Amino acid sequence: MNTNIENLKIKDLVPAGGTAVSSDDGDILFAKIKDSIQNGKSVELDFSGVTLITTAYLNSAIGQLYSLFTSDQLNNSLKLKNVADEDKILFKRVILRAKEYFAHKKGFEDSADNAFYGG
């Protein structure tokens, strides 16, 4: 067994029934992934038994990793396992948005401020 790989079963980290829907649950997974990567480990996320995934969960769990790590670091350190085909599009969408957001964070924040408070 490779001790340099952290295996996380998502079903064990979300409510009974395997629903990965809340951003609070996503934050829990984010903290586990962040700690593992910062400690030099790779992380394998096993989605077997997960019956529902939302972008809110993925934004919290995966998206915010892009504020701390580069795409290359995450590609090398984070692996997905047993993701249903219909959920793969959610991962792609969340990752693309996170990359765009963190690459242009100031611009996004300025646009939001202007929208809410006027220029």
PDB file of N, CA and C in Angstrom:
ATOM      1  N   MET A   1       0.842  -1.186   0.000  1.00  0.00           N
ATOM      2  CA  MET A   1       0.000   0.000   0.000  1.00  0.00           C
ATOM      3  C   MET A   1       0.883   1.244   0.000  1.00  0.00           C
ATOM      4  N   ASN A   2       0.607   2.166  -0.903  1.00  0.00           N
ATOM      5  CA  ASN A   2       1.385   3.389  -1.009  1.00  0.00           C
ATOM      6  C   ASN A   2       0.885   4.388   0.035  1.00  0.00           C
ATOM      7  N   THR A   3       1.736   4.721   0.985  1.00  0.00           N
ATOM      8  CA  THR A   3       1.330   5.640   2.048  1.00  0.00           C
ATOM      9  C   THR A   3       1.400   7.090   1.596  1.00  0.00           C
ATOM     10  N   ASN A   4       1.859   7.309   0.358  1.00  0.00           N
ATOM     11  CA  ASN A   4       1.928   8.665  -0.163  1.00  0.00           C
ATOM     12  C   ASN A   4       0.641   9.045  -0.895  1.00  0.00           C
ATOM     13  N   ILE A   5      -0.345   8.144  -0.861  1.00  0.00           N
ATOM     14  CA  ILE A   5      -1.640   8.412  -1.497  1.00  0.00           C
ATOM     15  C   ILE A   5      -2.731   8.365  -0.436  1.00  0.00           C
ATOM     16  N   GLU A   6      -3.481   9.434  -0.360  1.00  0.00           N
ATOM     17  CA  GLU A   6      -4.629   9.519   0.546  1.00  0.00           C
ATOM     18  C   GLU A   6      -5.862   9.115  -0.252  1.00  0.00           C
ATOM     19  N   ASN A   7      -6.510   8.030   0.147  1.00  0.00           N
ATOM     20  CA  ASN A   7      -7.726   7.564  -0.508  1.00  0.00           C
ATOM     21  C   ASN A   7      -8.935   8.046   0.290  1.00  0.00           C
ATOM     22  N   LEU A   8      -9.773   8.844  -0.359  1.00  0.00           N
ATOM     23  CA  LEU A   8     -10.954   9.376   0.316  1.00  0.00           C
ATOM     24  C   LEU A   8     -12.209   8.868  -0.373  1.00  0.00           C
ATOM     25  N   LYS A   9     -13.044   8.170   0.388  1.00  0.00           N
ATOM     26  CA  LYS A   9     -14.334   7.709  -0.119  1.00  0.00           C
ATOM     27  C   LYS A   9     -15.356   8.802   0.176  1.00  0.00           C
ATOM     28  N   ILE A  10     -15.826   9.425  -0.869  1.00  0.00           N
ATOM     29  CA  ILE A  10     -16.734  10.557  -0.726  1.00  0.00           C
ATOM     30  C   ILE A  10     -18.010  10.142  -0.001  1.00  0.00           C
ATOM     31  N   LYS A  11     -18.491   8.938  -0.270  1.00  0.00           N
ATOM     32  CA  LYS A  11     -19.724   8.459   0.375  1.00  0.00           C
ATOM     33  C   LYS A  11     -19.605   8.515   1.898  1.00  0.00           C
ATOM     34  N   ASP A  12     -18.391   8.304   2.425  1.00  0.00           N
ATOM     35  CA  ASP A  12     -18.181   8.341   3.873  1.00  0.00           C
ATOM     36  C   ASP A  12     -18.113   9.758   4.425  1.00  0.00           C
ATOM     37  N   LEU A  13     -18.012  10.752   3.535  1.00  0.00           N
ATOM     38  CA  LEU A  13     -17.844  12.146   3.971  1.00  0.00           C
ATOM     39  C   LEU A  13     -19.087  12.997   3.758  1.00  0.00           C
ATOM     40  N   VAL A  14     -20.141  12.393   3.209  1.00  0.00           N
ATOM     41  CA  VAL A  14     -21.388  13.121   2.955  1.00  0.00           C
ATOM     42  C   VAL A  14     -22.522  12.420   3.689  1.00  0.00           C
ATOM     43  N   PRO A  15     -23.690  13.071   3.776  1.00  0.00           N
ATOM     44  CA  PRO A  15     -24.820  12.455   4.497  1.00  0.00           C
ATOM     45  C   PRO A  15     -25.205  11.091   3.941  1.00  0.00           C
ATOM     46  N   ALA A  16     -25.870  10.323   4.770  1.00  0.00           N
ATOM     47  CA  ALA A  16     -26.363   8.999   4.358  1.00  0.00           C
ATOM     48  C   ALA A  16     -27.160   9.149   3.070  1.00  0.00           C
ATOM     49  N   GLY A  17     -27.027   8.199   2.215  1.00  0.00           N
ATOM     50  CA  GLY A  17     -27.689   8.267   0.917  1.00  0.00           C
ATOM     51  C   GLY A  17     -26.741   8.706  -0.178  1.00  0.00           C
ATOM     52  N   GLY A  18     -25.549   9.146   0.209  1.00  0.00           N
ATOM     53  CA  GLY A  18     -24.525   9.483  -0.770  1.00  0.00           C
ATOM     54  C   GLY A  18     -24.800  10.725  -1.575  1.00  0.00           C
ATOM     55  N   THR A  19     -25.374  11.761  -0.940  1.00  0.00           N
ATOM     56  CA  THR A  19     -25.648  12.996  -1.648  1.00  0.00           C
ATOM     57  C   THR A  19     -24.585  14.042  -1.340  1.00  0.00           C
ATOM     58  N   ALA A  20     -23.834  14.416  -2.363  1.00  0.00           N
ATOM     59  CA  ALA A  20     -22.785  15.431  -2.240  1.00  0.00           C
ATOM     60  C   ALA A  20     -23.354  16.738  -2.782  1.00  0.00           C
ATOM     61  N   VAL A  21     -24.101  17.442  -1.931  1.00  0.00           N
ATOM     62  CA  VAL A  21     -24.837  18.607  -2.413  1.00  0.00           C
ATOM     63  C   VAL A  21     -24.493  19.920  -1.717  1.00  0.00           C
ATOM     64  N   SER A  22     -24.116  19.886  -0.452  1.00  0.00           N
ATOM     65  CA  SER A  22     -23.953  21.154   0.267  1.00  0.00           C
ATOM     66  C   SER A  22     -22.523  21.671   0.188  1.00  0.00           C
ATOM     67  N   SER A  23     -22.412  22.988   0.170  1.00  0.00           N
ATOM     68  CA  SER A  23     -21.080  23.604   0.153  1.00  0.00           C
ATOM     69  C   SER A  23     -20.353  23.343   1.475  1.00  0.00           C
ATOM     70  N   ASP A  24     -21.093  23.185   2.569  1.00  0.00           N
ATOM     71  CA  ASP A  24     -20.454  22.871   3.856  1.00  0.00           C
ATOM     72  C   ASP A  24     -19.758  21.513   3.798  1.00  0.00           C
ATOM     73  N   ASP A  25     -20.408  20.519   3.199  1.00  0.00           N
ATOM     74  CA  ASP A  25     -19.777  19.211   3.026  1.00  0.00           C
ATOM     75  C   ASP A  25     -18.588  19.314   2.073  1.00  0.00           C
ATOM     76  N   GLY A  26     -18.721  20.160   1.059  1.00  0.00           N
ATOM     77  CA  GLY A  26     -17.614  20.390   0.136  1.00  0.00           C
ATOM     78  C   GLY A  26     -16.414  21.008   0.832  1.00  0.00           C
ATOM     79  N   ASP A  27     -16.681  21.912   1.777  1.00  0.00           N
ATOM     80  CA  ASP A  27     -15.585  22.539   2.533  1.00  0.00           C
ATOM     81  C   ASP A  27     -14.803  21.508   3.346  1.00  0.00           C
ATOM     82  N   ILE A  28     -15.503  20.513   3.862  1.00  0.00           N
ATOM     83  CA  ILE A  28     -14.842  19.447   4.625  1.00  0.00           C
ATOM     84  C   ILE A  28     -13.879  18.676   3.721  1.00  0.00           C
ATOM     85  N   LEU A  29     -14.350  18.335   2.514  1.00  0.00           N
ATOM     86  CA  LEU A  29     -13.488  17.625   1.579  1.00  0.00           C
ATOM     87  C   LEU A  29     -12.328  18.515   1.140  1.00  0.00           C
ATOM     88  N   PHE A  30     -12.594  19.781   0.875  1.00  0.00           N
ATOM     89  CA  PHE A  30     -11.536  20.726   0.490  1.00  0.00           C
ATOM     90  C   PHE A  30     -10.412  20.724   1.521  1.00  0.00           C
ATOM     91  N   ALA A  31     -10.767  20.810   2.803  1.00  0.00           N
ATOM     92  CA  ALA A  31      -9.756  20.852   3.872  1.00  0.00           C
ATOM     93  C   ALA A  31      -8.917  19.580   3.877  1.00  0.00           C
ATOM     94  N   LYS A  32      -9.544  18.445   3.661  1.00  0.00           N
ATOM     95  CA  LYS A  32      -8.813  17.171   3.641  1.00  0.00           C
ATOM     96  C   LYS A  32      -7.854  17.111   2.449  1.00  0.00           C
ATOM     97  N   ILE A  33      -8.335  17.531   1.286  1.00  0.00           N
ATOM     98  CA  ILE A  33      -7.489  17.525   0.093  1.00  0.00           C
ATOM     99  C   ILE A  33      -6.317  18.489   0.272  1.00  0.00           C
ATOM    100  N   LYS A  34      -6.619  19.694   0.717  1.00  0.00           N
ATOM    101  CA  LYS A  34      -5.590  20.729   0.901  1.00  0.00           C
ATOM    102  C   LYS A  34      -4.503  20.243   1.844  1.00  0.00           C
ATOM    103  N   ASP A  35      -4.899  19.693   2.981  1.00  0.00           N
ATOM    104  CA  ASP A  35      -3.924  19.208   3.961  1.00  0.00           C
ATOM    105  C   ASP A  35      -3.057  18.096   3.381  1.00  0.00           C
ATOM    106  N   SER A  36      -3.667  17.186   2.657  1.00  0.00           N
ATOM    107  CA  SER A  36      -2.917  16.068   2.075  1.00  0.00           C
ATOM    108  C   SER A  36      -1.899  16.565   1.057  1.00  0.00           C
ATOM    109  N   ILE A  37      -2.329  17.436   0.157  1.00  0.00           N
ATOM    110  CA  ILE A  37      -1.415  17.942  -0.868  1.00  0.00           C
ATOM    111  C   ILE A  37      -0.292  18.756  -0.230  1.00  0.00           C
ATOM    112  N   GLN A  38      -0.635  19.587   0.745  1.00  0.00           N
ATOM    113  CA  GLN A  38       0.394  20.383   1.419  1.00  0.00           C
ATOM    114  C   GLN A  38       1.386  19.509   2.184  1.00  0.00           C
ATOM    115  N   ASN A  39       0.965  18.305   2.546  1.00  0.00           N
ATOM    116  CA  ASN A  39       1.855  17.363   3.224  1.00  0.00           C
ATOM    117  C   ASN A  39       2.538  16.401   2.247  1.00  0.00           C
ATOM    118  N   GLY A  40       2.502  16.738   0.953  1.00  0.00           N
ATOM    119  CA  GLY A  40       3.222  15.972  -0.049  1.00  0.00           C
ATOM    120  C   GLY A  40       2.552  14.700  -0.508  1.00  0.00           C
ATOM    121  N   LYS A  41       1.271  14.542  -0.223  1.00  0.00           N
ATOM    122  CA  LYS A  41       0.553  13.334  -0.629  1.00  0.00           C
ATOM    123  C   LYS A  41      -0.278  13.613  -1.876  1.00  0.00           C
ATOM    124  N   SER A  42      -0.523  12.553  -2.619  1.00  0.00           N
ATOM    125  CA  SER A  42      -1.505  12.597  -3.692  1.00  0.00           C
ATOM    126  C   SER A  42      -2.842  12.181  -3.084  1.00  0.00           C
ATOM    127  N   VAL A  43      -3.911  12.576  -3.731  1.00  0.00           N
ATOM    128  CA  VAL A  43      -5.244  12.277  -3.214  1.00  0.00           C
ATOM    129  C   VAL A  43      -6.056  11.593  -4.305  1.00  0.00           C
ATOM    130  N   GLU A  44      -6.680  10.492  -3.936  1.00  0.00           N
ATOM    131  CA  GLU A  44      -7.603   9.805  -4.830  1.00  0.00           C
ATOM    132  C   GLU A  44      -8.999   9.924  -4.235  1.00  0.00           C
ATOM    133  N   LEU A  45      -9.903  10.527  -4.999  1.00  0.00           N
ATOM    134  CA  LEU A  45     -11.285  10.698  -4.563  1.00  0.00           C
ATOM    135  C   LEU A  45     -12.135   9.614  -5.209  1.00  0.00           C
ATOM    136  N   ASP A  46     -12.740   8.780  -4.388  1.00  0.00           N
ATOM    137  CA  ASP A  46     -13.566   7.675  -4.864  1.00  0.00           C
ATOM    138  C   ASP A  46     -15.038   8.047  -4.699  1.00  0.00           C
ATOM    139  N   PHE A  47     -15.723   8.185  -5.816  1.00  0.00           N
ATOM    140  CA  PHE A  47     -17.122   8.603  -5.806  1.00  0.00           C
ATOM    141  C   PHE A  47     -18.098   7.436  -5.891  1.00  0.00           C
ATOM    142  N   SER A  48     -17.624   6.220  -5.670  1.00  0.00           N
ATOM    143  CA  SER A  48     -18.551   5.075  -5.713  1.00  0.00           C
ATOM    144  C   SER A  48     -19.589   5.238  -4.600  1.00  0.00           C
ATOM    145  N   GLY A  49     -20.834   4.936  -4.940  1.00  0.00           N
ATOM    146  CA  GLY A  49     -21.918   5.034  -3.971  1.00  0.00           C
ATOM    147  C   GLY A  49     -22.502   6.422  -3.808  1.00  0.00           C
ATOM    148  N   VAL A  50     -21.940   7.414  -4.492  1.00  0.00           N
ATOM    149  CA  VAL A  50     -22.493   8.769  -4.436  1.00  0.00           C
ATOM    150  C   VAL A  50     -23.616   8.845  -5.460  1.00  0.00           C
ATOM    151  N   THR A  51     -24.799   9.227  -4.984  1.00  0.00           N
ATOM    152  CA  THR A  51     -25.984   9.203  -5.841  1.00  0.00           C
ATOM    153  C   THR A  51     -26.310  10.558  -6.459  1.00  0.00           C
ATOM    154  N   LEU A  52     -25.792  11.637  -5.881  1.00  0.00           N
ATOM    155  CA  LEU A  52     -26.086  12.973  -6.392  1.00  0.00           C
ATOM    156  C   LEU A  52     -24.925  13.899  -6.067  1.00  0.00           C
ATOM    157  N   ILE A  53     -24.488  14.663  -7.061  1.00  0.00           N
ATOM    158  CA  ILE A  53     -23.425  15.656  -6.887  1.00  0.00           C
ATOM    159  C   ILE A  53     -23.934  16.972  -7.460  1.00  0.00           C
ATOM    160  N   THR A  54     -23.697  18.076  -6.733  1.00  0.00           N
ATOM    161  CA  THR A  54     -24.072  19.395  -7.247  1.00  0.00           C
ATOM    162  C   THR A  54     -22.824  20.251  -7.461  1.00  0.00           C
ATOM    163  N   THR A  55     -22.988  21.293  -8.272  1.00  0.00           N
ATOM    164  CA  THR A  55     -21.868  22.207  -8.482  1.00  0.00           C
ATOM    165  C   THR A  55     -21.546  22.977  -7.207  1.00  0.00           C
ATOM    166  N   ALA A  56     -22.517  23.200  -6.346  1.00  0.00           N
ATOM    167  CA  ALA A  56     -22.233  23.885  -5.072  1.00  0.00           C
ATOM    168  C   ALA A  56     -21.222  23.074  -4.265  1.00  0.00           C
ATOM    169  N   TYR A  57     -21.424  21.775  -4.214  1.00  0.00           N
ATOM    170  CA  TYR A  57     -20.494  20.893  -3.504  1.00  0.00           C
ATOM    171  C   TYR A  57     -19.127  20.919  -4.176  1.00  0.00           C
ATOM    172  N   LEU A  58     -19.106  20.773  -5.488  1.00  0.00           N
ATOM    173  CA  LEU A  58     -17.841  20.724  -6.214  1.00  0.00           C
ATOM    174  C   LEU A  58     -17.084  22.050  -6.179  1.00  0.00           C
ATOM    175  N   ASN A  59     -17.809  23.164  -6.217  1.00  0.00           N
ATOM    176  CA  ASN A  59     -17.139  24.464  -6.113  1.00  0.00           C
ATOM    177  C   ASN A  59     -16.390  24.576  -4.796  1.00  0.00           C
ATOM    178  N   SER A  60     -17.028  24.125  -3.727  1.00  0.00           N
ATOM    179  CA  SER A  60     -16.384  24.186  -2.408  1.00  0.00           C
ATOM    180  C   SER A  60     -15.264  23.167  -2.280  1.00  0.00           C
ATOM    181  N   ALA A  61     -15.501  21.960  -2.761  1.00  0.00           N
ATOM    182  CA  ALA A  61     -14.532  20.878  -2.579  1.00  0.00           C
ATOM    183  C   ALA A  61     -13.352  20.975  -3.532  1.00  0.00           C
ATOM    184  N   ILE A  62     -13.628  21.252  -4.786  1.00  0.00           N
ATOM    185  CA  ILE A  62     -12.605  21.212  -5.828  1.00  0.00           C
ATOM    186  C   ILE A  62     -12.237  22.611  -6.322  1.00  0.00           C
ATOM    187  N   GLY A  63     -13.232  23.413  -6.598  1.00  0.00           N
ATOM    188  CA  GLY A  63     -12.988  24.726  -7.198  1.00  0.00           C
ATOM    189  C   GLY A  63     -12.035  25.594  -6.415  1.00  0.00           C
ATOM    190  N   GLN A  64     -12.211  25.654  -5.104  1.00  0.00           N
ATOM    191  CA  GLN A  64     -11.361  26.545  -4.326  1.00  0.00           C
ATOM    192  C   GLN A  64      -9.921  26.047  -4.192  1.00  0.00           C
ATOM    193  N   LEU A  65      -9.655  24.807  -4.593  1.00  0.00           N
ATOM    194  CA  LEU A  65      -8.268  24.332  -4.608  1.00  0.00           C
ATOM    195  C   LEU A  65      -7.414  25.165  -5.558  1.00  0.00           C
ATOM    196  N   TYR A  66      -8.055  25.720  -6.595  1.00  0.00           N
ATOM    197  CA  TYR A  66      -7.330  26.520  -7.587  1.00  0.00           C
ATOM    198  C   TYR A  66      -6.878  27.861  -7.027  1.00  0.00           C
ATOM    199  N   SER A  67      -7.329  28.221  -5.835  1.00  0.00           N
ATOM    200  CA  SER A  67      -6.825  29.435  -5.187  1.00  0.00           C
ATOM    201  C   SER A  67      -5.480  29.181  -4.513  1.00  0.00           C
ATOM    202  N   LEU A  68      -5.157  27.901  -4.294  1.00  0.00           N
ATOM    203  CA  LEU A  68      -3.938  27.523  -3.574  1.00  0.00           C
ATOM    204  C   LEU A  68      -2.913  26.795  -4.428  1.00  0.00           C
ATOM    205  N   PHE A  69      -3.384  26.068  -5.433  1.00  0.00           N
ATOM    206  CA  PHE A  69      -2.515  25.207  -6.218  1.00  0.00           C
ATOM    207  C   PHE A  69      -2.673  25.515  -7.700  1.00  0.00           C
ATOM    208  N   THR A  70      -1.621  25.234  -8.464  1.00  0.00           N
ATOM    209  CA  THR A  70      -1.698  25.398  -9.913  1.00  0.00           C
ATOM    210  C   THR A  70      -2.422  24.201 -10.528  1.00  0.00           C
ATOM    211  N   SER A  71      -2.807  24.371 -11.767  1.00  0.00           N
ATOM    212  CA  SER A  71      -3.441  23.263 -12.489  1.00  0.00           C
ATOM    213  C   SER A  71      -2.499  22.068 -12.562  1.00  0.00           C
ATOM    214  N   ASP A  72      -1.218  22.326 -12.815  1.00  0.00           N
ATOM    215  CA  ASP A  72      -0.249  21.226 -12.888  1.00  0.00           C
ATOM    216  C   ASP A  72      -0.152  20.483 -11.561  1.00  0.00           C
ATOM    217  N   GLN A  73      -0.109  21.226 -10.461  1.00  0.00           N
ATOM    218  CA  GLN A  73      -0.041  20.574  -9.144  1.00  0.00           C
ATOM    219  C   GLN A  73      -1.262  19.692  -8.925  1.00  0.00           C
ATOM    220  N   LEU A  74      -2.426  20.201  -9.253  1.00  0.00           N
ATOM    221  CA  LEU A  74      -3.655  19.438  -9.040  1.00  0.00           C
ATOM    222  C   LEU A  74      -3.742  18.252  -9.999  1.00  0.00           C
ATOM    223  N   ASN A  75      -3.307  18.436 -11.243  1.00  0.00           N
ATOM    224  CA  ASN A  75      -3.309  17.317 -12.191  1.00  0.00           C
ATOM    225  C   ASN A  75      -2.403  16.191 -11.711  1.00  0.00           C
ATOM    226  N   ASN A  76      -1.315  16.545 -11.062  1.00  0.00           N
ATOM    227  CA  ASN A  76      -0.365  15.546 -10.572  1.00  0.00           C
ATOM    228  C   ASN A  76      -0.763  14.944  -9.226  1.00  0.00           C
ATOM    229  N   SER A  77      -1.540  15.670  -8.439  1.00  0.00           N
ATOM    230  CA  SER A  77      -1.813  15.258  -7.059  1.00  0.00           C
ATOM    231  C   SER A  77      -3.231  14.772  -6.802  1.00  0.00           C
ATOM    232  N   LEU A  78      -4.141  15.029  -7.713  1.00  0.00           N
ATOM    233  CA  LEU A  78      -5.549  14.734  -7.463  1.00  0.00           C
ATOM    234  C   LEU A  78      -6.098  13.827  -8.552  1.00  0.00           C
ATOM    235  N   LYS A  79      -6.625  12.690  -8.144  1.00  0.00           N
ATOM    236  CA  LYS A  79      -7.195  11.729  -9.082  1.00  0.00           C
ATOM    237  C   LYS A  79      -8.642  11.440  -8.685  1.00  0.00           C
ATOM    238  N   LEU A  80      -9.477  11.272  -9.698  1.00  0.00           N
ATOM    239  CA  LEU A  80     -10.886  10.940  -9.489  1.00  0.00           C
ATOM    240  C   LEU A  80     -11.124   9.499  -9.889  1.00  0.00           C
ATOM    241  N   LYS A  81     -11.997   8.850  -9.141  1.00  0.00           N
ATOM    242  CA  LYS A  81     -12.293   7.439  -9.384  1.00  0.00           C
ATOM    243  C   LYS A  81     -13.802   7.238  -9.247  1.00  0.00           C
ATOM    244  N   ASN A  82     -14.362   6.411 -10.114  1.00  0.00           N
ATOM    245  CA  ASN A  82     -15.776   6.042 -10.051  1.00  0.00           C
ATOM    246  C   ASN A  82     -16.718   7.235 -10.149  1.00  0.00           C
ATOM    247  N   VAL A  83     -16.409   8.159 -11.051  1.00  0.00           N
ATOM    248  CA  VAL A  83     -17.298   9.289 -11.311  1.00  0.00           C
ATOM    249  C   VAL A  83     -18.241   8.880 -12.442  1.00  0.00           C
ATOM    250  N   ALA A  84     -19.537   9.025 -12.207  1.00  0.00           N
ATOM    251  CA  ALA A  84     -20.530   8.687 -13.224  1.00  0.00           C
ATOM    252  C   ALA A  84     -20.339   9.590 -14.445  1.00  0.00           C
ATOM    253  N   ASP A  85     -20.555   9.037 -15.624  1.00  0.00           N
ATOM    254  CA  ASP A  85     -20.370   9.797 -16.863  1.00  0.00           C
ATOM    255  C   ASP A  85     -21.150  11.110 -16.849  1.00  0.00           C
ATOM    256  N   GLU A  86     -22.378  11.075 -16.349  1.00  0.00           N
ATOM    257  CA  GLU A  86     -23.200  12.294 -16.344  1.00  0.00           C
ATOM    258  C   GLU A  86     -22.684  13.349 -15.368  1.00  0.00           C
ATOM    259  N   ASP A  87     -21.836  12.956 -14.423  1.00  0.00           N
ATOM    260  CA  ASP A  87     -21.269  13.924 -13.474  1.00  0.00           C
ATOM    261  C   ASP A  87     -19.938  14.510 -13.953  1.00  0.00           C
ATOM    262  N   LYS A  88     -19.312  13.887 -14.930  1.00  0.00           N
ATOM    263  CA  LYS A  88     -18.025  14.389 -15.417  1.00  0.00           C
ATOM    264  C   LYS A  88     -18.133  15.799 -15.965  1.00  0.00           C
ATOM    265  N   ILE A  89     -19.270  16.127 -16.596  1.00  0.00           N
ATOM    266  CA  ILE A  89     -19.468  17.478 -17.129  1.00  0.00           C
ATOM    267  C   ILE A  89     -19.481  18.507 -16.000  1.00  0.00           C
ATOM    268  N   LEU A  90     -20.024  18.128 -14.830  1.00  0.00           N
ATOM    269  CA  LEU A  90     -20.025  19.046 -13.690  1.00  0.00           C
ATOM    270  C   LEU A  90     -18.602  19.359 -13.248  1.00  0.00           C
ATOM    271  N   PHE A  91     -17.755  18.342 -13.200  1.00  0.00           N
ATOM    272  CA  PHE A  91     -16.360  18.545 -12.820  1.00  0.00           C
ATOM    273  C   PHE A  91     -15.671  19.484 -13.807  1.00  0.00           C
ATOM    274  N   LYS A  92     -15.886  19.242 -15.095  1.00  0.00           N
ATOM    275  CA  LYS A  92     -15.257  20.082 -16.112  1.00  0.00           C
ATOM    276  C   LYS A  92     -15.709  21.528 -15.980  1.00  0.00           C
ATOM    277  N   ARG A  93     -17.000  21.723 -15.762  1.00  0.00           N
ATOM    278  CA  ARG A  93     -17.548  23.074 -15.638  1.00  0.00           C
ATOM    279  C   ARG A  93     -16.979  23.789 -14.413  1.00  0.00           C
ATOM    280  N   VAL A  94     -16.945  23.104 -13.285  1.00  0.00           N
ATOM    281  CA  VAL A  94     -16.433  23.699 -12.041  1.00  0.00           C
ATOM    282  C   VAL A  94     -14.954  24.045 -12.177  1.00  0.00           C
ATOM    283  N   ILE A  95     -14.186  23.147 -12.756  1.00  0.00           N
ATOM    284  CA  ILE A  95     -12.750  23.381 -12.909  1.00  0.00           C
ATOM    285  C   ILE A  95     -12.495  24.554 -13.852  1.00  0.00           C
ATOM    286  N   LEU A  96     -13.202  24.602 -14.963  1.00  0.00           N
ATOM    287  CA  LEU A  96     -13.033  25.707 -15.900  1.00  0.00           C
ATOM    288  C   LEU A  96     -13.364  27.043 -15.245  1.00  0.00           C
ATOM    289  N   ARG A  97     -14.484  27.101 -14.536  1.00  0.00           N
ATOM    290  CA  ARG A  97     -14.878  28.349 -13.855  1.00  0.00           C
ATOM    291  C   ARG A  97     -13.869  28.749 -12.786  1.00  0.00           C
ATOM    292  N   ALA A  98     -13.378  27.775 -12.033  1.00  0.00           N
ATOM    293  CA  ALA A  98     -12.398  28.073 -10.975  1.00  0.00           C
ATOM    294  C   ALA A  98     -11.110  28.625 -11.572  1.00  0.00           C
ATOM    295  N   LYS A  99     -10.642  28.011 -12.643  1.00  0.00           N
ATOM    296  CA  LYS A  99      -9.427  28.502 -13.297  1.00  0.00           C
ATOM    297  C   LYS A  99      -9.619  29.937 -13.778  1.00  0.00           C
ATOM    298  N   GLU A 100     -10.754  30.207 -14.409  1.00  0.00           N
ATOM    299  CA  GLU A 100     -11.033  31.553 -14.901  1.00  0.00           C
ATOM    300  C   GLU A 100     -11.134  32.546 -13.746  1.00  0.00           C
ATOM    301  N   TYR A 101     -11.864  32.174 -12.721  1.00  0.00           N
ATOM    302  CA  TYR A 101     -12.062  33.068 -11.586  1.00  0.00           C
ATOM    303  C   TYR A 101     -10.741  33.421 -10.909  1.00  0.00           C
ATOM    304  N   PHE A 102      -9.949  32.409 -10.561  1.00  0.00           N
ATOM    305  CA  PHE A 102      -8.726  32.694  -9.817  1.00  0.00           C
ATOM    306  C   PHE A 102      -7.648  33.327 -10.686  1.00  0.00           C
ATOM    307  N   ALA A 103      -7.733  33.158 -12.000  1.00  0.00           N
ATOM    308  CA  ALA A 103      -6.798  33.835 -12.897  1.00  0.00           C
ATOM    309  C   ALA A 103      -7.136  35.316 -13.031  1.00  0.00           C
ATOM    310  N   HIS A 104      -8.408  35.664 -12.853  1.00  0.00           N
ATOM    311  CA  HIS A 104      -8.875  37.049 -13.019  1.00  0.00           C
ATOM    312  C   HIS A 104      -9.709  37.497 -11.826  1.00  0.00           C
ATOM    313  N   LYS A 105      -9.310  37.105 -10.640  1.00  0.00           N
ATOM    314  CA  LYS A 105     -10.100  37.345  -9.435  1.00  0.00           C
ATOM    315  C   LYS A 105     -10.430  38.822  -9.231  1.00  0.00           C
ATOM    316  N   LYS A 106      -9.455  39.689  -9.375  1.00  0.00           N
ATOM    317  CA  LYS A 106      -9.674  41.126  -9.161  1.00  0.00           C
ATOM    318  C   LYS A 106     -10.749  41.646 -10.112  1.00  0.00           C
ATOM    319  N   GLY A 107     -10.691  41.247 -11.373  1.00  0.00           N
ATOM    320  CA  GLY A 107     -11.685  41.683 -12.349  1.00  0.00           C
ATOM    321  C   GLY A 107     -13.081  41.207 -12.009  1.00  0.00           C
ATOM    322  N   PHE A 108     -13.207  39.949 -11.563  1.00  0.00           N
ATOM    323  CA  PHE A 108     -14.506  39.425 -11.155  1.00  0.00           C
ATOM    324  C   PHE A 108     -15.050  40.190  -9.957  1.00  0.00           C
ATOM    325  N   GLU A 109     -14.199  40.461  -8.981  1.00  0.00           N
ATOM    326  CA  GLU A 109     -14.636  41.181  -7.784  1.00  0.00           C
ATOM    327  C   GLU A 109     -15.033  42.614  -8.118  1.00  0.00           C
ATOM    328  N   ASP A 110     -14.262  43.277  -8.983  1.00  0.00           N
ATOM    329  CA  ASP A 110     -14.607  44.637  -9.392  1.00  0.00           C
ATOM    330  C   ASP A 110     -15.941  44.668 -10.126  1.00  0.00           C
ATOM    331  N   SER A 111     -16.163  43.684 -10.998  1.00  0.00           N
ATOM    332  CA  SER A 111     -17.433  43.621 -11.728  1.00  0.00           C
ATOM    333  C   SER A 111     -18.597  43.412 -10.773  1.00  0.00           C
ATOM    334  N   ALA A 112     -18.418  42.553  -9.787  1.00  0.00           N
ATOM    335  CA  ALA A 112     -19.475  42.309  -8.807  1.00  0.00           C
ATOM    336  C   ALA A 112     -19.741  43.568  -7.989  1.00  0.00           C
ATOM    337  N   ASP A 113     -18.680  44.233  -7.560  1.00  0.00           N
ATOM    338  CA  ASP A 113     -18.852  45.477  -6.789  1.00  0.00           C
ATOM    339  C   ASP A 113     -19.605  46.510  -7.621  1.00  0.00           C
ATOM    340  N   ASN A 114     -19.243  46.661  -8.868  1.00  0.00           N
ATOM    341  CA  ASN A 114     -19.920  47.623  -9.738  1.00  0.00           C
ATOM    342  C   ASN A 114     -21.387  47.254  -9.924  1.00  0.00           C
ATOM    343  N   ALA A 115     -21.667  45.989 -10.074  1.00  0.00           N
ATOM    344  CA  ALA A 115     -23.051  45.546 -10.257  1.00  0.00           C
ATOM    345  C   ALA A 115     -23.898  45.831  -9.018  1.00  0.00           C
ATOM    346  N   PHE A 116     -23.332  45.604  -7.834  1.00  0.00           N
ATOM    347  CA  PHE A 116     -24.088  45.772  -6.605  1.00  0.00           C
ATOM    348  C   PHE A 116     -24.100  47.212  -6.092  1.00  0.00           C
ATOM    349  N   TYR A 117     -22.981  47.890  -6.212  1.00  0.00           N
ATOM    350  CA  TYR A 117     -22.826  49.187  -5.558  1.00  0.00           C
ATOM    351  C   TYR A 117     -22.675  50.356  -6.547  1.00  0.00           C
ATOM    352  N   GLY A 118     -22.653  50.060  -7.812  1.00  0.00           N
ATOM    353  CA  GLY A 118     -22.475  51.110  -8.824  1.00  0.00           C
ATOM    354  C   GLY A 118     -21.010  51.474  -8.970  1.00  0.00           C
ATOM    355  N   GLY A 119     -20.653  51.934 -10.123  1.00  0.00           N
ATOM    356  CA  GLY A 119     -19.262  52.222 -10.444  1.00  0.00           C
ATOM    357  C   GLY A 119     -18.784  53.448  -9.807  1.00  0.00           C
TER     358      GLY A 119
END
